[in-house]
């Protein structure tokens, strides 16, 4: 019985600690304008209608003036429920300090036909 309890404790931790193929890149476009690039490798897609969450936390005097977290982009022709490429998200910041990006993005391994919730903090 103890072995079963141990499995229930460790299996979710193992499943959710997998490497996530999604990458986030923050690029500076001008003094206060930035873009957040979300990319996935070939063979993966981002679910179109999933409840994605992108949270921007600031430290110091940094403030988020504008940010829209609605994902848009190019859909797969044969699988229109998944984004092949997501458009960059525009962020306008004011002040100085640190920015922490916390995301929950639902992505799918299109070869295996399995979808996962991916959490990324950067």
Protein backbone atom coordinates (compact mmCIF):
# COMPACT_ATOMS: atom_id res chain seq x y z
CA UNK A 1 0.00 0.00 0.00
CA UNK A 2 2.87 2.38 0.79
CA UNK A 3 4.31 1.76 -2.69
CA UNK A 4 1.05 2.86 -4.34
CA UNK A 5 0.96 6.02 -2.23
CA UNK A 6 4.53 6.84 -3.22
CA UNK A 7 3.64 6.44 -6.91
CA UNK A 8 0.73 8.87 -6.57
CA UNK A 9 3.07 11.40 -4.98
CA UNK A 10 5.93 11.13 -7.50
CA UNK A 11 4.20 10.48 -10.85
CA UNK A 12 2.51 13.92 -11.14
CA UNK A 13 5.80 15.58 -10.23
CA UNK A 14 7.62 13.62 -12.91
CA UNK A 15 4.98 14.37 -15.55
CA UNK A 16 4.90 18.10 -14.88
CA UNK A 17 8.68 18.50 -14.56
CA UNK A 18 9.28 17.45 -18.17
CA UNK A 19 11.22 19.78 -20.41
CA UNK A 20 8.83 22.09 -22.20
CA UNK A 21 9.54 22.65 -25.89
CA UNK A 22 8.04 26.14 -25.84
CA UNK A 23 10.43 29.07 -25.63
CA UNK A 24 9.81 32.68 -24.62
CA UNK A 25 11.97 35.54 -25.86
CA UNK A 26 11.50 39.16 -24.82
CA UNK A 27 12.83 41.63 -27.41
CA UNK A 28 13.24 45.36 -26.99
CA UNK A 29 11.75 47.32 -29.91
CA UNK A 30 12.18 50.87 -28.57
CA UNK A 31 12.62 52.75 -25.28
CA UNK A 32 9.34 51.48 -23.79
CA UNK A 33 8.05 48.94 -26.34
CA UNK A 34 8.87 45.25 -26.20
CA UNK A 35 7.64 42.13 -27.93
CA UNK A 36 7.21 38.68 -26.43
CA UNK A 37 7.92 35.87 -28.88
CA UNK A 38 6.42 32.46 -28.14
CA UNK A 39 7.82 29.69 -30.31
CA UNK A 40 7.37 25.94 -30.61
CA UNK A 41 9.57 23.49 -32.52
CA UNK A 42 8.48 21.50 -35.54
CA UNK A 43 6.06 18.71 -34.65
CA UNK A 44 4.36 20.74 -31.91
CA UNK A 45 1.48 23.20 -31.92
CA UNK A 46 -0.20 25.55 -29.48
CA UNK A 47 -3.90 24.91 -28.89
CA UNK A 48 -6.03 27.67 -30.40
CA UNK A 49 -8.97 27.68 -27.97
CA UNK A 50 -7.23 26.70 -24.73
CA UNK A 51 -7.31 29.00 -21.68
CA UNK A 52 -3.72 30.28 -21.99
CA UNK A 53 -2.52 32.58 -19.21
CA UNK A 54 0.35 35.02 -19.38
CA UNK A 55 1.00 37.01 -16.22
CA UNK A 56 3.50 39.86 -16.04
CA UNK A 57 4.82 40.71 -12.57
CA UNK A 58 7.04 43.72 -12.01
CA UNK A 59 9.52 44.69 -9.33
CA UNK A 60 10.91 48.09 -8.52
CA UNK A 61 9.51 51.09 -10.38
CA UNK A 62 8.63 49.11 -13.51
CA UNK A 63 4.98 49.24 -14.61
CA UNK A 64 3.14 47.50 -17.43
CA UNK A 65 1.27 50.18 -19.38
CA UNK A 66 -0.29 47.90 -21.97
CA UNK A 67 -0.32 44.21 -22.77
CA UNK A 68 -2.75 41.98 -24.63
CA UNK A 69 -2.35 38.27 -24.00
CA UNK A 70 -4.68 37.11 -26.78
CA UNK A 71 -2.83 34.65 -28.98
CA UNK A 72 -3.13 34.99 -32.75
CA UNK A 73 -1.07 33.51 -35.51
CA UNK A 74 -0.74 31.03 -38.33
CA UNK A 75 -2.79 27.84 -38.00
CA UNK A 76 -1.82 24.44 -39.37
CA UNK A 77 -3.69 23.85 -42.65
CA UNK A 78 -4.47 20.22 -41.79
CA UNK A 79 -5.10 20.90 -38.07
CA UNK A 80 -6.85 24.28 -37.70
CA UNK A 81 -7.22 23.85 -33.91
CA UNK A 82 -3.49 24.45 -33.43
CA UNK A 83 -1.17 27.39 -34.04
CA UNK A 84 1.90 26.58 -36.08
CA UNK A 85 3.34 30.01 -35.29
CA UNK A 86 2.11 32.57 -32.77
CA UNK A 87 2.35 36.31 -33.49
CA UNK A 88 4.55 38.34 -31.17
CA UNK A 89 2.74 39.97 -28.24
CA UNK A 90 3.33 43.69 -27.72
CA UNK A 91 4.21 44.94 -24.24
CA UNK A 92 4.61 48.56 -23.21
CA UNK A 93 6.62 49.13 -20.04
CA UNK A 94 7.43 52.28 -18.09
CA UNK A 95 10.10 52.82 -15.46
CA UNK A 96 12.92 50.57 -14.36
CA UNK A 97 13.04 47.31 -12.50
CA UNK A 98 12.63 43.60 -13.12
CA UNK A 99 9.97 41.80 -15.14
CA UNK A 100 8.85 38.26 -14.32
CA UNK A 101 6.82 36.42 -16.95
CA UNK A 102 4.70 33.49 -15.75
CA UNK A 103 2.82 31.52 -18.38
CA UNK A 104 0.55 28.53 -18.69
CA UNK A 105 0.37 27.59 -22.35
CA UNK A 106 -1.34 24.48 -23.68
CA UNK A 107 0.72 22.81 -26.38
CA UNK A 108 0.44 19.52 -28.26
CA UNK A 109 2.84 16.95 -29.58
CA UNK A 110 1.19 16.52 -32.97
CA UNK A 111 3.10 13.33 -33.77
CA UNK A 112 1.99 11.54 -30.60
CA UNK A 113 -1.40 13.28 -30.47
CA UNK A 114 -0.95 14.30 -26.82
CA UNK A 115 -1.53 17.76 -25.34
CA UNK A 116 0.09 19.20 -22.21
CA UNK A 117 -0.24 22.31 -20.05
CA UNK A 118 3.18 23.95 -20.03
CA UNK A 119 4.23 26.31 -17.24
CA UNK A 120 7.11 28.66 -17.90
CA UNK A 121 8.58 31.29 -15.57
CA UNK A 122 11.18 33.64 -16.94
